[in-house]
């Protein structure tokens, strides 16, 4: 069993990275292997609508996307985190979404457990609309979408952090991120048990 956490922030060690890693720690505490993937240092290019992926089964643009998609296909659970950019996901996260078309050929992400984390500059800074975009991506790939675990039980991990490092003081954000990691791990274990 394995869960990967993908951070869609352009910062190497920003607030989103911190919360995704917290979620992965909570998943590890449930006995599930994890891997952290950051998009900040990946070469990602926009989809050019060439449709070659429909025939080839993978994207033909020469950058880092196929390696990331392969990790997603191999995982049992996927946690995606993004900072809020004008009420939605970052450009890096959106490029991952747009370039994931090869995964829809045969629905390679079907029944993988997915959860979302988002960080905004204020408590009501667009986290839920950003999480909704991540959930939409997961639903379109026929994934099993979960929110954070009780006692918080919301859409997912929601952090507040304008300045780098601010999320380390955001107890609610840390709690919701950890509860999300725990919930993804619990559902992965339930599915694998069957």
Protein backbone atom coordinates (compact mmCIF):
# COMPACT_ATOMS: atom_id res chain seq x y z
CA UNK A 1 0.00 0.00 0.00
CA UNK A 2 1.32 3.39 -0.95
CA UNK A 3 0.09 6.98 -0.86
CA UNK A 4 1.80 9.76 -2.75
CA UNK A 5 1.51 13.39 -1.79
CA UNK A 6 1.87 15.87 -4.63
CA UNK A 7 2.63 19.49 -3.79
CA UNK A 8 1.67 21.92 -6.54
CA UNK A 9 3.39 24.94 -5.05
CA UNK A 10 6.07 26.89 -6.91
CA UNK A 11 7.93 27.15 -3.57
CA UNK A 12 10.32 24.40 -2.50
CA UNK A 13 9.50 24.40 1.21
CA UNK A 14 6.38 26.52 1.48
CA UNK A 15 3.19 26.17 3.46
CA UNK A 16 1.54 23.72 1.06
CA UNK A 17 4.62 21.49 1.16
CA UNK A 18 4.52 21.53 4.97
CA UNK A 19 0.86 20.46 5.12
CA UNK A 20 1.21 17.76 2.45
CA UNK A 21 4.12 16.32 4.43
CA UNK A 22 2.01 16.44 7.62
CA UNK A 23 -0.72 14.48 5.85
CA UNK A 24 1.84 11.90 4.70
CA UNK A 25 3.21 11.56 8.25
CA UNK A 26 -0.30 10.80 9.50
CA UNK A 27 -0.72 8.20 6.73
CA UNK A 28 2.59 6.59 7.73
CA UNK A 29 1.34 6.37 11.31
CA UNK A 30 -1.50 4.24 9.91
CA UNK A 31 1.05 1.82 8.47
CA UNK A 32 0.99 2.96 4.84
CA UNK A 33 4.12 3.75 2.80
CA UNK A 34 4.28 7.27 1.41
CA UNK A 35 6.19 9.31 -1.14
CA UNK A 36 6.37 13.08 -1.48
CA UNK A 37 6.47 14.67 -4.94
CA UNK A 38 6.98 18.39 -5.43
CA UNK A 39 6.14 20.12 -8.69
CA UNK A 40 8.27 23.18 -7.88
CA UNK A 41 11.40 21.78 -9.55
CA UNK A 42 9.71 19.78 -12.29
CA UNK A 43 9.70 20.81 -15.90
CA UNK A 44 6.03 20.99 -16.80
CA UNK A 45 4.60 22.38 -20.00
CA UNK A 46 0.99 23.07 -20.95
CA UNK A 47 -1.07 20.60 -22.94
CA UNK A 48 -0.98 21.41 -26.66
CA UNK A 49 -4.10 19.37 -27.54
CA UNK A 50 -2.18 17.22 -30.03
CA UNK A 51 -4.24 14.12 -29.03
CA UNK A 52 -1.22 11.85 -29.52
CA UNK A 53 -1.75 10.54 -25.97
CA UNK A 54 -4.98 8.93 -27.18
CA UNK A 55 -2.96 6.66 -29.47
CA UNK A 56 0.32 6.38 -27.57
CA UNK A 57 -1.10 6.05 -24.05
CA UNK A 58 1.36 8.62 -22.73
CA UNK A 59 2.17 12.24 -23.32
CA UNK A 60 4.78 12.89 -26.02
CA UNK A 61 5.92 16.26 -24.68
CA UNK A 62 9.43 15.75 -23.35
CA UNK A 63 9.31 16.93 -19.75
CA UNK A 64 8.67 15.42 -16.30
CA UNK A 65 4.93 14.67 -16.60
CA UNK A 66 5.10 10.98 -17.55
CA UNK A 67 7.25 10.19 -14.50
CA UNK A 68 4.69 11.87 -12.22
CA UNK A 69 1.74 10.16 -13.91
CA UNK A 70 3.48 6.80 -13.53
CA UNK A 71 3.86 7.40 -9.79
CA UNK A 72 0.16 8.26 -9.60
CA UNK A 73 -0.80 5.09 -11.46
CA UNK A 74 1.32 2.95 -9.11
CA UNK A 75 -0.08 4.52 -5.93
CA UNK A 76 -3.14 3.35 -4.00
CA UNK A 77 -3.87 6.83 -2.68
CA UNK A 78 -3.10 10.32 -3.92
CA UNK A 79 -3.08 13.52 -1.89
CA UNK A 80 -2.78 16.71 -3.93
CA UNK A 81 -2.00 20.05 -2.33
CA UNK A 82 -2.11 23.46 -3.96
CA UNK A 83 -1.82 27.02 -2.78
CA UNK A 84 -4.75 29.25 -3.72
CA UNK A 85 -4.20 31.28 -6.87
CA UNK A 86 -7.14 33.60 -7.53
CA UNK A 87 -9.57 31.13 -5.99
CA UNK A 88 -8.17 28.06 -7.72
CA UNK A 89 -5.16 25.79 -8.11
CA UNK A 90 -1.66 26.94 -9.01
CA UNK A 91 -0.43 26.85 -12.61
CA UNK A 92 1.79 23.88 -11.75
CA UNK A 93 -1.17 21.90 -10.40
CA UNK A 94 -3.33 22.84 -13.38
CA UNK A 95 -0.67 21.63 -15.80
CA UNK A 96 -0.58 18.29 -13.98
CA UNK A 97 -4.37 18.06 -14.34
CA UNK A 98 -4.42 19.03 -18.01
CA UNK A 99 -1.59 16.67 -18.89
CA UNK A 100 -3.17 13.68 -17.11
CA UNK A 101 -5.28 12.72 -20.15
CA UNK A 102 -3.26 9.50 -20.71
CA UNK A 103 -4.52 8.28 -17.32
CA UNK A 104 -8.10 8.43 -18.60
CA UNK A 105 -7.31 5.85 -21.28
CA UNK A 106 -8.50 2.74 -19.45
CA UNK A 107 -9.08 4.87 -16.33
CA UNK A 108 -5.72 4.12 -14.71
CA UNK A 109 -6.59 6.16 -11.59
CA UNK A 110 -9.97 4.48 -11.07
CA UNK A 111 -10.75 3.61 -7.44
CA UNK A 112 -7.57 5.20 -6.12
CA UNK A 113 -8.32 7.13 -2.94
CA UNK A 114 -7.86 10.87 -3.32
CA UNK A 115 -7.75 13.80 -0.95
CA UNK A 116 -7.02 17.52 -1.25
CA UNK A 117 -5.13 20.15 0.69
CA UNK A 118 -5.16 23.88 0.00
CA UNK A 119 -3.46 26.89 1.57
CA UNK A 120 -4.71 30.47 1.32
CA UNK A 121 -3.46 33.75 2.75
CA UNK A 122 -6.49 34.03 5.07
CA UNK A 123 -8.92 31.57 6.68
CA UNK A 124 -11.53 32.18 3.96
CA UNK A 125 -9.00 32.72 1.21
CA UNK A 126 -10.29 30.37 -1.47
CA UNK A 127 -9.28 27.04 0.06
CA UNK A 128 -12.65 25.38 -0.55
CA UNK A 129 -12.87 26.49 -4.19
CA UNK A 130 -9.32 25.26 -4.75
CA UNK A 131 -10.14 21.93 -3.09
CA UNK A 132 -13.22 21.69 -5.29
CA UNK A 133 -10.99 21.91 -8.38
CA UNK A 134 -8.81 19.11 -7.03
CA UNK A 135 -11.88 17.01 -6.23
CA UNK A 136 -13.28 17.64 -9.73
CA UNK A 137 -10.02 16.35 -11.21
CA UNK A 138 -10.23 13.24 -9.06
CA UNK A 139 -13.89 12.57 -9.84
CA UNK A 140 -13.24 12.87 -13.58
CA UNK A 141 -10.59 10.17 -13.17
CA UNK A 142 -13.12 7.94 -11.34
CA UNK A 143 -11.21 8.15 -8.08
CA UNK A 144 -12.70 7.73 -4.60
CA UNK A 145 -12.66 11.21 -3.06
CA UNK A 146 -12.49 11.65 0.70
CA UNK A 147 -12.32 14.64 3.01
CA UNK A 148 -10.50 14.97 6.29
CA UNK A 149 -11.35 12.59 9.11
CA UNK A 150 -13.35 13.30 12.25
CA UNK A 151 -13.44 15.31 14.39
CA UNK A 152 -12.92 18.01 11.73
CA UNK A 153 -14.51 16.18 8.75
CA UNK A 154 -14.57 18.83 6.03
CA UNK A 155 -13.48 18.96 2.38
CA UNK A 156 -9.83 18.29 3.19
CA UNK A 157 -6.82 20.04 4.65
CA UNK A 158 -7.21 23.81 4.76
CA UNK A 159 -4.28 25.93 5.84
CA UNK A 160 -3.69 29.63 6.34
CA UNK A 161 -0.28 30.85 5.38
CA UNK A 162 0.59 33.99 3.50
CA UNK A 163 4.24 34.15 4.48
CA UNK A 164 6.52 31.08 4.18
CA UNK A 165 6.42 29.09 7.42
CA UNK A 166 3.09 30.54 8.61
CA UNK A 167 1.32 27.16 8.41
CA UNK A 168 3.60 25.81 11.10
CA UNK A 169 1.60 27.98 13.53
CA UNK A 170 -1.80 27.08 12.03
CA UNK A 171 -3.08 24.37 14.36
CA UNK A 172 -6.38 23.99 12.49
CA UNK A 173 -4.57 23.60 9.17
CA UNK A 174 -2.19 21.03 10.62
CA UNK A 175 -5.08 19.11 12.19
CA UNK A 176 -7.15 19.02 9.00
CA UNK A 177 -4.11 17.98 6.91
CA UNK A 178 -3.23 15.19 9.33
CA UNK A 179 -6.87 14.07 9.50
CA UNK A 180 -6.93 13.94 5.70
CA UNK A 181 -3.79 11.79 5.58
CA UNK A 182 -5.30 9.45 8.17
CA UNK A 183 -8.60 9.19 6.26
CA UNK A 184 -6.90 8.45 2.91
CA UNK A 185 -4.82 5.74 4.63
CA UNK A 186 -7.87 4.22 6.34
CA UNK A 187 -9.83 3.98 3.09
CA UNK A 188 -6.82 2.58 1.20
CA UNK A 189 -6.49 -0.14 3.85
CA UNK A 190 -10.21 -0.93 3.64
CA UNK A 191 -10.04 -1.28 -0.14
CA UNK A 192 -6.88 -3.38 -0.07
CA UNK A 193 -8.39 -5.69 2.57
CA UNK A 194 -11.21 -6.71 0.19
